[in-house]
Amino acid sequence: MNYPIVTAGGAGGYFQTGRFVDFTNHDVVYQDLAELAVGQPEVRLESPGLYYNQFLGNVLESMGVCPPGGHGFTDFRTRAPTAGYGFHHVDPEREADYASARAVMGQRLPAITVA
């Protein structure tokens, strides 16, 4: 949740540069840190969004390490195959909030990749 990522370069045109894109679903806000956030505007409550694993898969794709959609991994808890790259785990209580993000995890990230 809420992984800020700063990159350098566009990977030979694969990524569109000079953008700030927020892939967070602001309709869902977790209240875990609500007490801590009171009176502290620097503490931001967490929300689900697209997977960091999708970004990692896009980075590998941009370097030619794996073909488009050809990367994959296994869900840590269910052992089901997933797309994206890297360790994959979502708290079972929050899994429904990530269903739409999981469905597109093997695709190029919208707004920052060149079709």
PDB file of N, CA and C in Angstrom:
ATOM      1  N   MET A   1       0.834  -1.186   0.000  1.00  0.00           N
ATOM      2  CA  MET A   1       0.000   0.000   0.000  1.00  0.00           C
ATOM      3  C   MET A   1       0.872   1.240   0.000  1.00  0.00           C
ATOM      4  N   ASN A   2       0.496   2.164  -0.799  1.00  0.00           N
ATOM      5  CA  ASN A   2       1.118   3.492  -0.821  1.00  0.00           C
ATOM      6  C   ASN A   2       2.637   3.454  -0.951  1.00  0.00           C
ATOM      7  N   TYR A   3       3.136   2.794  -1.988  1.00  0.00           N
ATOM      8  CA  TYR A   3       4.565   2.786  -2.267  1.00  0.00           C
ATOM      9  C   TYR A   3       4.898   3.959  -3.170  1.00  0.00           C
ATOM     10  N   PRO A   4       5.561   4.965  -2.658  1.00  0.00           N
ATOM     11  CA  PRO A   4       6.012   6.026  -3.570  1.00  0.00           C
ATOM     12  C   PRO A   4       7.217   5.516  -4.361  1.00  0.00           C
ATOM     13  N   ILE A   5       7.219   5.762  -5.655  1.00  0.00           N
ATOM     14  CA  ILE A   5       8.304   5.299  -6.514  1.00  0.00           C
ATOM     15  C   ILE A   5       8.815   6.484  -7.326  1.00  0.00           C
ATOM     16  N   VAL A   6      10.109   6.678  -7.298  1.00  0.00           N
ATOM     17  CA  VAL A   6      10.741   7.697  -8.121  1.00  0.00           C
ATOM     18  C   VAL A   6      11.703   6.962  -9.043  1.00  0.00           C
ATOM     19  N   THR A   7      11.584   7.209 -10.329  1.00  0.00           N
ATOM     20  CA  THR A   7      12.458   6.547 -11.293  1.00  0.00           C
ATOM     21  C   THR A   7      13.308   7.580 -12.020  1.00  0.00           C
ATOM     22  N   ALA A   8      14.365   7.097 -12.635  1.00  0.00           N
ATOM     23  CA  ALA A   8      15.230   7.958 -13.445  1.00  0.00           C
ATOM     24  C   ALA A   8      15.312   7.339 -14.834  1.00  0.00           C
ATOM     25  N   GLY A   9      14.957   8.105 -15.835  1.00  0.00           N
ATOM     26  CA  GLY A   9      15.018   7.625 -17.208  1.00  0.00           C
ATOM     27  C   GLY A   9      13.725   6.966 -17.639  1.00  0.00           C
ATOM     28  N   GLY A  10      13.596   6.777 -18.932  1.00  0.00           N
ATOM     29  CA  GLY A  10      12.370   6.237 -19.495  1.00  0.00           C
ATOM     30  C   GLY A  10      12.521   4.855 -20.087  1.00  0.00           C
ATOM     31  N   ALA A  11      13.638   4.175 -19.828  1.00  0.00           N
ATOM     32  CA  ALA A  11      13.873   2.821 -20.330  1.00  0.00           C
ATOM     33  C   ALA A  11      13.701   2.760 -21.851  1.00  0.00           C
ATOM     34  N   GLY A  12      14.367   3.679 -22.528  1.00  0.00           N
ATOM     35  CA  GLY A  12      14.339   3.677 -23.992  1.00  0.00           C
ATOM     36  C   GLY A  12      12.972   3.965 -24.587  1.00  0.00           C
ATOM     37  N   GLY A  13      12.138   4.687 -23.862  1.00  0.00           N
ATOM     38  CA  GLY A  13      10.813   5.044 -24.360  1.00  0.00           C
ATOM     39  C   GLY A  13       9.689   4.178 -23.828  1.00  0.00           C
ATOM     40  N   TYR A  14      10.008   3.157 -23.062  1.00  0.00           N
ATOM     41  CA  TYR A  14       8.968   2.289 -22.491  1.00  0.00           C
ATOM     42  C   TYR A  14       8.099   3.061 -21.512  1.00  0.00           C
ATOM     43  N   PHE A  15       8.731   3.887 -20.672  1.00  0.00           N
ATOM     44  CA  PHE A  15       7.998   4.673 -19.679  1.00  0.00           C
ATOM     45  C   PHE A  15       7.886   6.123 -20.127  1.00  0.00           C
ATOM     46  N   GLN A  16       6.749   6.725 -19.858  1.00  0.00           N
ATOM     47  CA  GLN A  16       6.559   8.154 -20.077  1.00  0.00           C
ATOM     48  C   GLN A  16       7.061   8.867 -18.826  1.00  0.00           C
ATOM     49  N   THR A  17       7.927   9.830 -19.020  1.00  0.00           N
ATOM     50  CA  THR A  17       8.563  10.486 -17.881  1.00  0.00           C
ATOM     51  C   THR A  17       7.880  11.816 -17.547  1.00  0.00           C
ATOM     52  N   GLY A  18       8.273  12.371 -16.411  1.00  0.00           N
ATOM     53  CA  GLY A  18       7.779  13.679 -16.002  1.00  0.00           C
ATOM     54  C   GLY A  18       6.351  13.670 -15.497  1.00  0.00           C
ATOM     55  N   ARG A  19       5.914  12.563 -14.945  1.00  0.00           N
ATOM     56  CA  ARG A  19       4.536  12.448 -14.482  1.00  0.00           C
ATOM     57  C   ARG A  19       4.468  12.086 -13.009  1.00  0.00           C
ATOM     58  N   PHE A  20       3.407  12.537 -12.378  1.00  0.00           N
ATOM     59  CA  PHE A  20       3.043  12.052 -11.057  1.00  0.00           C
ATOM     60  C   PHE A  20       1.721  11.326 -11.242  1.00  0.00           C
ATOM     61  N   VAL A  21       1.694  10.050 -10.917  1.00  0.00           N
ATOM     62  CA  VAL A  21       0.482   9.249 -11.088  1.00  0.00           C
ATOM     63  C   VAL A  21       0.190   8.559  -9.761  1.00  0.00           C
ATOM     64  N   ASP A  22      -1.041   8.657  -9.330  1.00  0.00           N
ATOM     65  CA  ASP A  22      -1.473   8.013  -8.084  1.00  0.00           C
ATOM     66  C   ASP A  22      -2.414   6.880  -8.473  1.00  0.00           C
ATOM     67  N   PHE A  23      -2.001   5.640  -8.247  1.00  0.00           N
ATOM     68  CA  PHE A  23      -2.807   4.467  -8.579  1.00  0.00           C
ATOM     69  C   PHE A  23      -3.623   3.986  -7.377  1.00  0.00           C
ATOM     70  N   THR A  24      -3.820   4.853  -6.401  1.00  0.00           N
ATOM     71  CA  THR A  24      -4.538   4.499  -5.183  1.00  0.00           C
ATOM     72  C   THR A  24      -6.042   4.575  -5.392  1.00  0.00           C
ATOM     73  N   ASN A  25      -6.761   3.648  -4.775  1.00  0.00           N
ATOM     74  CA  ASN A  25      -8.218   3.684  -4.772  1.00  0.00           C
ATOM     75  C   ASN A  25      -8.654   4.493  -3.550  1.00  0.00           C
ATOM     76  N   HIS A  26      -8.957   5.756  -3.761  1.00  0.00           N
ATOM     77  CA  HIS A  26      -9.304   6.644  -2.647  1.00  0.00           C
ATOM     78  C   HIS A  26     -10.708   6.400  -2.102  1.00  0.00           C
ATOM     79  N   ASP A  27     -11.455   5.502  -2.731  1.00  0.00           N
ATOM     80  CA  ASP A  27     -12.786   5.152  -2.213  1.00  0.00           C
ATOM     81  C   ASP A  27     -12.694   4.216  -1.007  1.00  0.00           C
ATOM     82  N   VAL A  28     -11.546   3.575  -0.834  1.00  0.00           N
ATOM     83  CA  VAL A  28     -11.332   2.662   0.293  1.00  0.00           C
ATOM     84  C   VAL A  28     -10.175   3.211   1.118  1.00  0.00           C
ATOM     85  N   VAL A  29     -10.419   3.469   2.390  1.00  0.00           N
ATOM     86  CA  VAL A  29      -9.382   3.995   3.278  1.00  0.00           C
ATOM     87  C   VAL A  29      -9.352   3.125   4.531  1.00  0.00           C
ATOM     88  N   TYR A  30      -8.191   2.553   4.812  1.00  0.00           N
ATOM     89  CA  TYR A  30      -8.038   1.716   6.003  1.00  0.00           C
ATOM     90  C   TYR A  30      -7.788   2.606   7.215  1.00  0.00           C
ATOM     91  N   GLN A  31      -8.406   2.251   8.298  1.00  0.00           N
ATOM     92  CA  GLN A  31      -8.362   3.082   9.505  1.00  0.00           C
ATOM     93  C   GLN A  31      -7.326   2.620  10.528  1.00  0.00           C
ATOM     94  N   ASP A  32      -6.433   1.716  10.157  1.00  0.00           N
ATOM     95  CA  ASP A  32      -5.433   1.186  11.091  1.00  0.00           C
ATOM     96  C   ASP A  32      -4.650   2.275  11.813  1.00  0.00           C
ATOM     97  N   LEU A  33      -4.301   3.322  11.099  1.00  0.00           N
ATOM     98  CA  LEU A  33      -3.456   4.375  11.662  1.00  0.00           C
ATOM     99  C   LEU A  33      -4.241   5.637  12.019  1.00  0.00           C
ATOM    100  N   ALA A  34      -5.560   5.544  12.071  1.00  0.00           N
ATOM    101  CA  ALA A  34      -6.400   6.723  12.302  1.00  0.00           C
ATOM    102  C   ALA A  34      -6.027   7.443  13.591  1.00  0.00           C
ATOM    103  N   GLU A  35      -5.795   6.702  14.668  1.00  0.00           N
ATOM    104  CA  GLU A  35      -5.420   7.323  15.945  1.00  0.00           C
ATOM    105  C   GLU A  35      -4.102   8.070  15.824  1.00  0.00           C
ATOM    106  N   LEU A  36      -3.148   7.472  15.147  1.00  0.00           N
ATOM    107  CA  LEU A  36      -1.833   8.088  14.960  1.00  0.00           C
ATOM    108  C   LEU A  36      -1.927   9.338  14.081  1.00  0.00           C
ATOM    109  N   ALA A  37      -2.852   9.333  13.124  1.00  0.00           N
ATOM    110  CA  ALA A  37      -2.963  10.430  12.169  1.00  0.00           C
ATOM    111  C   ALA A  37      -3.613  11.688  12.739  1.00  0.00           C
ATOM    112  N   VAL A  38      -4.310  11.566  13.854  1.00  0.00           N
ATOM    113  CA  VAL A  38      -4.990  12.725  14.437  1.00  0.00           C
ATOM    114  C   VAL A  38      -3.965  13.800  14.783  1.00  0.00           C
ATOM    115  N   GLY A  39      -4.128  14.965  14.178  1.00  0.00           N
ATOM    116  CA  GLY A  39      -3.228  16.090  14.435  1.00  0.00           C
ATOM    117  C   GLY A  39      -1.871  15.983  13.774  1.00  0.00           C
ATOM    118  N   GLN A  40      -1.678  14.988  12.926  1.00  0.00           N
ATOM    119  CA  GLN A  40      -0.399  14.806  12.235  1.00  0.00           C
ATOM    120  C   GLN A  40      -0.662  14.666  10.735  1.00  0.00           C
ATOM    121  N   PRO A  41      -0.719  15.763  10.031  1.00  0.00           N
ATOM    122  CA  PRO A  41      -1.058  15.702   8.603  1.00  0.00           C
ATOM    123  C   PRO A  41      -0.043  14.925   7.760  1.00  0.00           C
ATOM    124  N   GLU A  42       1.161  14.708   8.273  1.00  0.00           N
ATOM    125  CA  GLU A  42       2.157  13.943   7.517  1.00  0.00           C
ATOM    126  C   GLU A  42       1.857  12.448   7.522  1.00  0.00           C
ATOM    127  N   VAL A  43       0.995  11.988   8.425  1.00  0.00           N
ATOM    128  CA  VAL A  43       0.594  10.581   8.476  1.00  0.00           C
ATOM    129  C   VAL A  43      -0.633  10.422   7.584  1.00  0.00           C
ATOM    130  N   ARG A  44      -0.460   9.654   6.538  1.00  0.00           N
ATOM    131  CA  ARG A  44      -1.539   9.453   5.576  1.00  0.00           C
ATOM    132  C   ARG A  44      -2.125   8.060   5.767  1.00  0.00           C
ATOM    133  N   LEU A  45      -3.429   7.976   5.849  1.00  0.00           N
ATOM    134  CA  LEU A  45      -4.077   6.679   5.981  1.00  0.00           C
ATOM    135  C   LEU A  45      -3.902   5.895   4.687  1.00  0.00           C
ATOM    136  N   GLU A  46      -3.814   4.590   4.812  1.00  0.00           N
ATOM    137  CA  GLU A  46      -3.525   3.750   3.658  1.00  0.00           C
ATOM    138  C   GLU A  46      -4.781   3.355   2.895  1.00  0.00           C
ATOM    139  N   SER A  47      -4.597   3.177   1.598  1.00  0.00           N
ATOM    140  CA  SER A  47      -5.656   2.727   0.698  1.00  0.00           C
ATOM    141  C   SER A  47      -5.064   1.715  -0.270  1.00  0.00           C
ATOM    142  N   PRO A  48      -5.877   0.782  -0.763  1.00  0.00           N
ATOM    143  CA  PRO A  48      -5.358  -0.163  -1.755  1.00  0.00           C
ATOM    144  C   PRO A  48      -5.189   0.516  -3.107  1.00  0.00           C
ATOM    145  N   GLY A  49      -4.477  -0.131  -3.990  1.00  0.00           N
ATOM    146  CA  GLY A  49      -4.279   0.383  -5.341  1.00  0.00           C
ATOM    147  C   GLY A  49      -3.686  -0.705  -6.208  1.00  0.00           C
ATOM    148  N   LEU A  50      -3.032  -0.309  -7.277  1.00  0.00           N
ATOM    149  CA  LEU A  50      -2.369  -1.306  -8.113  1.00  0.00           C
ATOM    150  C   LEU A  50      -1.176  -1.881  -7.366  1.00  0.00           C
ATOM    151  N   TYR A  51      -0.788  -3.064  -7.752  1.00  0.00           N
ATOM    152  CA  TYR A  51       0.301  -3.765  -7.075  1.00  0.00           C
ATOM    153  C   TYR A  51       1.675  -3.231  -7.463  1.00  0.00           C
ATOM    154  N   TYR A  52       2.555  -3.178  -6.501  1.00  0.00           N
ATOM    155  CA  TYR A  52       3.964  -2.867  -6.743  1.00  0.00           C
ATOM    156  C   TYR A  52       4.555  -3.943  -7.650  1.00  0.00           C
ATOM    157  N   ASN A  53       4.063  -5.175  -7.516  1.00  0.00           N
ATOM    158  CA  ASN A  53       4.528  -6.277  -8.355  1.00  0.00           C
ATOM    159  C   ASN A  53       4.300  -5.986  -9.837  1.00  0.00           C
ATOM    160  N   GLN A  54       3.230  -5.267 -10.147  1.00  0.00           N
ATOM    161  CA  GLN A  54       2.952  -4.900 -11.533  1.00  0.00           C
ATOM    162  C   GLN A  54       4.026  -3.946 -12.037  1.00  0.00           C
ATOM    163  N   PHE A  55       4.425  -2.996 -11.211  1.00  0.00           N
ATOM    164  CA  PHE A  55       5.506  -2.083 -11.583  1.00  0.00           C
ATOM    165  C   PHE A  55       6.797  -2.862 -11.820  1.00  0.00           C
ATOM    166  N   LEU A  56       7.130  -3.786 -10.917  1.00  0.00           N
ATOM    167  CA  LEU A  56       8.364  -4.572 -11.076  1.00  0.00           C
ATOM    168  C   LEU A  56       8.339  -5.382 -12.373  1.00  0.00           C
ATOM    169  N   GLY A  57       7.191  -5.977 -12.698  1.00  0.00           N
ATOM    170  CA  GLY A  57       7.055  -6.708 -13.953  1.00  0.00           C
ATOM    171  C   GLY A  57       7.260  -5.801 -15.152  1.00  0.00           C
ATOM    172  N   ASN A  58       6.740  -4.582 -15.075  1.00  0.00           N
ATOM    173  CA  ASN A  58       6.922  -3.610 -16.161  1.00  0.00           C
ATOM    174  C   ASN A  58       8.388  -3.222 -16.309  1.00  0.00           C
ATOM    175  N   VAL A  59       9.103  -3.096 -15.215  1.00  0.00           N
ATOM    176  CA  VAL A  59      10.531  -2.773 -15.272  1.00  0.00           C
ATOM    177  C   VAL A  59      11.284  -3.902 -15.972  1.00  0.00           C
ATOM    178  N   LEU A  60      11.016  -5.146 -15.607  1.00  0.00           N
ATOM    179  CA  LEU A  60      11.672  -6.283 -16.263  1.00  0.00           C
ATOM    180  C   LEU A  60      11.347  -6.318 -17.755  1.00  0.00           C
ATOM    181  N   GLU A  61      10.097  -6.065 -18.080  1.00  0.00           N
ATOM    182  CA  GLU A  61       9.665  -6.026 -19.474  1.00  0.00           C
ATOM    183  C   GLU A  61      10.407  -4.932 -20.240  1.00  0.00           C
ATOM    184  N   SER A  62      10.554  -3.759 -19.623  1.00  0.00           N
ATOM    185  CA  SER A  62      11.203  -2.626 -20.291  1.00  0.00           C
ATOM    186  C   SER A  62      12.659  -2.911 -20.614  1.00  0.00           C
ATOM    187  N   MET A  63      13.284  -3.781 -19.837  1.00  0.00           N
ATOM    188  CA  MET A  63      14.692  -4.128 -20.057  1.00  0.00           C
ATOM    189  C   MET A  63      14.855  -5.366 -20.922  1.00  0.00           C
ATOM    190  N   GLY A  64      13.740  -5.950 -21.363  1.00  0.00           N
ATOM    191  CA  GLY A  64      13.807  -7.137 -22.199  1.00  0.00           C
ATOM    192  C   GLY A  64      14.120  -8.406 -21.433  1.00  0.00           C
ATOM    193  N   VAL A  65      14.012  -8.366 -20.117  1.00  0.00           N
ATOM    194  CA  VAL A  65      14.301  -9.543 -19.302  1.00  0.00           C
ATOM    195  C   VAL A  65      13.202 -10.592 -19.471  1.00  0.00           C
ATOM    196  N   CYS A  66      11.982 -10.160 -19.659  1.00  0.00           N
ATOM    197  CA  CYS A  66      10.887 -11.102 -19.898  1.00  0.00           C
ATOM    198  C   CYS A  66       9.914 -10.487 -20.900  1.00  0.00           C
ATOM    199  N   PRO A  67       9.185 -11.332 -21.616  1.00  0.00           N
ATOM    200  CA  PRO A  67       8.248 -10.827 -22.625  1.00  0.00           C
ATOM    201  C   PRO A  67       7.018 -10.198 -21.975  1.00  0.00           C
ATOM    202  N   PRO A  68       6.275  -9.384 -22.728  1.00  0.00           N
ATOM    203  CA  PRO A  68       5.056  -8.779 -22.185  1.00  0.00           C
ATOM    204  C   PRO A  68       4.104  -9.834 -21.622  1.00  0.00           C
ATOM    205  N   GLY A  69       3.710  -9.652 -20.380  1.00  0.00           N
ATOM    206  CA  GLY A  69       2.802 -10.585 -19.719  1.00  0.00           C
ATOM    207  C   GLY A  69       3.415 -11.938 -19.429  1.00  0.00           C
ATOM    208  N   GLY A  70       4.700 -12.112 -19.750  1.00  0.00           N
ATOM    209  CA  GLY A  70       5.338 -13.412 -19.594  1.00  0.00           C
ATOM    210  C   GLY A  70       5.925 -13.670 -18.220  1.00  0.00           C
ATOM    211  N   HIS A  71       5.915 -12.703 -17.374  1.00  0.00           N
ATOM    212  CA  HIS A  71       6.444 -12.889 -16.032  1.00  0.00           C
ATOM    213  C   HIS A  71       5.325 -13.377 -15.129  1.00  0.00           C
ATOM    214  N   GLY A  72       5.678 -14.034 -14.092  1.00  0.00           N
ATOM    215  CA  GLY A  72       4.657 -14.525 -13.176  1.00  0.00           C
ATOM    216  C   GLY A  72       5.277 -14.943 -11.864  1.00  0.00           C
ATOM    217  N   PHE A  73       4.442 -15.131 -10.914  1.00  0.00           N
ATOM    218  CA  PHE A  73       4.878 -15.514  -9.584  1.00  0.00           C
ATOM    219  C   PHE A  73       3.767 -16.319  -8.945  1.00  0.00           C
ATOM    220  N   THR A  74       3.983 -16.745  -7.736  1.00  0.00           N
ATOM    221  CA  THR A  74       2.976 -17.512  -7.015  1.00  0.00           C
ATOM    222  C   THR A  74       2.556 -16.747  -5.776  1.00  0.00           C
ATOM    223  N   ASP A  75       1.261 -16.708  -5.542  1.00  0.00           N
ATOM    224  CA  ASP A  75       0.734 -16.074  -4.339  1.00  0.00           C
ATOM    225  C   ASP A  75       1.277 -16.808  -3.122  1.00  0.00           C
ATOM    226  N   PHE A  76       1.814 -16.079  -2.181  1.00  0.00           N
ATOM    227  CA  PHE A  76       2.451 -16.643  -0.991  1.00  0.00           C
ATOM    228  C   PHE A  76       1.485 -17.507  -0.180  1.00  0.00           C
ATOM    229  N   ARG A  77       0.268 -17.079  -0.039  1.00  0.00           N
ATOM    230  CA  ARG A  77      -0.694 -17.768   0.832  1.00  0.00           C
ATOM    231  C   ARG A  77      -1.435 -18.877   0.105  1.00  0.00           C
ATOM    232  N   THR A  78      -1.947 -18.590  -1.086  1.00  0.00           N
ATOM    233  CA  THR A  78      -2.803 -19.556  -1.789  1.00  0.00           C
ATOM    234  C   THR A  78      -2.032 -20.472  -2.737  1.00  0.00           C
ATOM    235  N   ARG A  79      -0.810 -20.103  -3.069  1.00  0.00           N
ATOM    236  CA  ARG A  79       0.024 -20.816  -4.047  1.00  0.00           C
ATOM    237  C   ARG A  79      -0.554 -20.752  -5.455  1.00  0.00           C
ATOM    238  N   ALA A  80      -1.518 -19.868  -5.672  1.00  0.00           N
ATOM    239  CA  ALA A  80      -2.099 -19.684  -7.003  1.00  0.00           C
ATOM    240  C   ALA A  80      -1.149 -18.840  -7.851  1.00  0.00           C
ATOM    241  N   PRO A  81      -1.071 -19.111  -9.157  1.00  0.00           N
ATOM    242  CA  PRO A  81      -0.203 -18.289 -10.013  1.00  0.00           C
ATOM    243  C   PRO A  81      -0.731 -16.862 -10.113  1.00  0.00           C
ATOM    244  N   THR A  82       0.177 -15.915 -10.174  1.00  0.00           N
ATOM    245  CA  THR A  82      -0.171 -14.513 -10.364  1.00  0.00           C
ATOM    246  C   THR A  82       0.727 -13.936 -11.440  1.00  0.00           C
ATOM    247  N   ALA A  83       0.385 -12.771 -11.913  1.00  0.00           N
ATOM    248  CA  ALA A  83       1.245 -12.055 -12.844  1.00  0.00           C
ATOM    249  C   ALA A  83       2.101 -11.097 -12.019  1.00  0.00           C
ATOM    250  N   GLY A  84       2.737 -10.148 -12.664  1.00  0.00           N
ATOM    251  CA  GLY A  84       3.616  -9.252 -11.924  1.00  0.00           C
ATOM    252  C   GLY A  84       4.917  -9.955 -11.603  1.00  0.00           C
ATOM    253  N   TYR A  85       5.645  -9.441 -10.652  1.00  0.00           N
ATOM    254  CA  TYR A  85       6.914 -10.053 -10.292  1.00  0.00           C
ATOM    255  C   TYR A  85       7.201  -9.795  -8.823  1.00  0.00           C
ATOM    256  N   GLY A  86       7.765 -10.759  -8.154  1.00  0.00           N
ATOM    257  CA  GLY A  86       8.176 -10.587  -6.775  1.00  0.00           C
ATOM    258  C   GLY A  86       7.213 -11.214  -5.795  1.00  0.00           C
ATOM    259  N   PHE A  87       7.504 -11.028  -4.532  1.00  0.00           N
ATOM    260  CA  PHE A  87       6.706 -11.563  -3.442  1.00  0.00           C
ATOM    261  C   PHE A  87       5.293 -10.995  -3.523  1.00  0.00           C
ATOM    262  N   HIS A  88       4.306 -11.849  -3.404  1.00  0.00           N
ATOM    263  CA  HIS A  88       2.923 -11.392  -3.489  1.00  0.00           C
ATOM    264  C   HIS A  88       2.131 -11.905  -2.298  1.00  0.00           C
ATOM    265  N   HIS A  89       1.584 -10.993  -1.530  1.00  0.00           N
ATOM    266  CA  HIS A  89       0.718 -11.368  -0.412  1.00  0.00           C
ATOM    267  C   HIS A  89      -0.198 -10.199  -0.082  1.00  0.00           C
ATOM    268  N   VAL A  90      -1.455 -10.497   0.147  1.00  0.00           N
ATOM    269  CA  VAL A  90      -2.429  -9.509   0.591  1.00  0.00           C
ATOM    270  C   VAL A  90      -3.121 -10.099   1.805  1.00  0.00           C
ATOM    271  N   ASP A  91      -3.307  -9.293   2.825  1.00  0.00           N
ATOM    272  CA  ASP A  91      -4.044  -9.712   4.008  1.00  0.00           C
ATOM    273  C   ASP A  91      -5.395 -10.257   3.550  1.00  0.00           C
ATOM    274  N   PRO A  92      -5.762 -11.471   3.950  1.00  0.00           N
ATOM    275  CA  PRO A  92      -7.031 -12.057   3.509  1.00  0.00           C
ATOM    276  C   PRO A  92      -8.243 -11.162   3.779  1.00  0.00           C
ATOM    277  N   GLU A  93      -8.199 -10.352   4.804  1.00  0.00           N
ATOM    278  CA  GLU A  93      -9.320  -9.462   5.111  1.00  0.00           C
ATOM    279  C   GLU A  93      -9.433  -8.320   4.096  1.00  0.00           C
ATOM    280  N   ARG A  94      -8.374  -8.072   3.351  1.00  0.00           N
ATOM    281  CA  ARG A  94      -8.366  -6.970   2.381  1.00  0.00           C
ATOM    282  C   ARG A  94      -8.317  -7.455   0.941  1.00  0.00           C
ATOM    283  N   GLU A  95      -8.357  -8.758   0.756  1.00  0.00           N
ATOM    284  CA  GLU A  95      -8.228  -9.342  -0.571  1.00  0.00           C
ATOM    285  C   GLU A  95      -9.268  -8.822  -1.568  1.00  0.00           C
ATOM    286  N   ALA A  96     -10.496  -8.645  -1.137  1.00  0.00           N
ATOM    287  CA  ALA A  96     -11.551  -8.165  -2.037  1.00  0.00           C
ATOM    288  C   ALA A  96     -11.239  -6.768  -2.569  1.00  0.00           C
ATOM    289  N   ASP A  97     -10.550  -5.955  -1.771  1.00  0.00           N
ATOM    290  CA  ASP A  97     -10.194  -4.600  -2.200  1.00  0.00           C
ATOM    291  C   ASP A  97      -9.165  -4.608  -3.328  1.00  0.00           C
ATOM    292  N   TYR A  98      -8.484  -5.725  -3.502  1.00  0.00           N
ATOM    293  CA  TYR A  98      -7.440  -5.833  -4.514  1.00  0.00           C
ATOM    294  C   TYR A  98      -7.845  -6.689  -5.717  1.00  0.00           C
ATOM    295  N   ALA A  99      -9.081  -7.156  -5.761  1.00  0.00           N
ATOM    296  CA  ALA A  99      -9.516  -8.063  -6.833  1.00  0.00           C
ATOM    297  C   ALA A  99      -9.331  -7.453  -8.220  1.00  0.00           C
ATOM    298  N   SER A 100      -9.735  -6.210  -8.407  1.00  0.00           N
ATOM    299  CA  SER A 100      -9.597  -5.599  -9.741  1.00  0.00           C
ATOM    300  C   SER A 100      -8.135  -5.337 -10.080  1.00  0.00           C
ATOM    301  N   ALA A 101      -7.317  -5.006  -9.094  1.00  0.00           N
ATOM    302  CA  ALA A 101      -5.884  -4.781  -9.335  1.00  0.00           C
ATOM    303  C   ALA A 101      -5.192  -6.093  -9.677  1.00  0.00           C
ATOM    304  N   ARG A 102      -5.583  -7.159  -9.015  1.00  0.00           N
ATOM    305  CA  ARG A 102      -4.973  -8.458  -9.286  1.00  0.00           C
ATOM    306  C   ARG A 102      -5.272  -8.906 -10.718  1.00  0.00           C
ATOM    307  N   ALA A 103      -6.464  -8.587 -11.213  1.00  0.00           N
ATOM    308  CA  ALA A 103      -6.870  -9.000 -12.559  1.00  0.00           C
ATOM    309  C   ALA A 103      -6.009  -8.379 -13.659  1.00  0.00           C
ATOM    310  N   VAL A 104      -5.376  -7.242 -13.386  1.00  0.00           N
ATOM    311  CA  VAL A 104      -4.568  -6.562 -14.411  1.00  0.00           C
ATOM    312  C   VAL A 104      -3.077  -6.564 -14.083  1.00  0.00           C
ATOM    313  N   MET A 105      -2.667  -7.341 -13.088  1.00  0.00           N
ATOM    314  CA  MET A 105      -1.291  -7.280 -12.607  1.00  0.00           C
ATOM    315  C   MET A 105      -0.257  -7.633 -13.691  1.00  0.00           C
ATOM    316  N   GLY A 106      -0.607  -8.411 -14.694  1.00  0.00           N
ATOM    317  CA  GLY A 106       0.345  -8.750 -15.750  1.00  0.00           C
ATOM    318  C   GLY A 106       0.370  -7.764 -16.896  1.00  0.00           C
ATOM    319  N   GLN A 107      -0.412  -6.699 -16.815  1.00  0.00           N
ATOM    320  CA  GLN A 107      -0.494  -5.741 -17.907  1.00  0.00           C
ATOM    321  C   GLN A 107       0.441  -4.543 -17.667  1.00  0.00           C
ATOM    322  N   ARG A 108       0.618  -3.770 -18.738  1.00  0.00           N
ATOM    323  CA  ARG A 108       1.388  -2.533 -18.592  1.00  0.00           C
ATOM    324  C   ARG A 108       0.620  -1.553 -17.730  1.00  0.00           C
ATOM    325  N   LEU A 109       1.350  -0.791 -16.949  1.00  0.00           N
ATOM    326  CA  LEU A 109       0.726   0.206 -16.102  1.00  0.00           C
ATOM    327  C   LEU A 109       0.109   1.310 -16.949  1.00  0.00           C
ATOM    328  N   PRO A 110      -1.120   1.707 -16.642  1.00  0.00           N
ATOM    329  CA  PRO A 110      -1.735   2.783 -17.409  1.00  0.00           C
ATOM    330  C   PRO A 110      -1.068   4.124 -17.108  1.00  0.00           C
ATOM    331  N   ALA A 111      -1.114   5.018 -18.041  1.00  0.00           N
ATOM    332  CA  ALA A 111      -0.650   6.419 -17.893  1.00  0.00           C
ATOM    333  C   ALA A 111       0.859   6.594 -17.867  1.00  0.00           C
ATOM    334  N   ILE A 112       1.641   5.557 -17.577  1.00  0.00           N
ATOM    335  CA  ILE A 112       3.093   5.768 -17.540  1.00  0.00           C
ATOM    336  C   ILE A 112       3.852   4.904 -18.528  1.00  0.00           C
ATOM    337  N   THR A 113       3.166   3.967 -19.195  1.00  0.00           N
ATOM    338  CA  THR A 113       3.857   3.146 -20.199  1.00  0.00           C
ATOM    339  C   THR A 113       3.360   3.529 -21.584  1.00  0.00           C
ATOM    340  N   VAL A 114       4.214   3.358 -22.550  1.00  0.00           N
ATOM    341  CA  VAL A 114       3.870   3.662 -23.944  1.00  0.00           C
ATOM    342  C   VAL A 114       3.314   2.394 -24.558  1.00  0.00           C
ATOM    343  N   ALA A 115       2.179   2.499 -25.183  1.00  0.00           N
ATOM    344  CA  ALA A 115       1.524   1.318 -25.775  1.00  0.00           C
ATOM    345  C   ALA A 115       2.309   0.736 -26.911  1.00  0.00           C
TER     346      ALA A 115
END
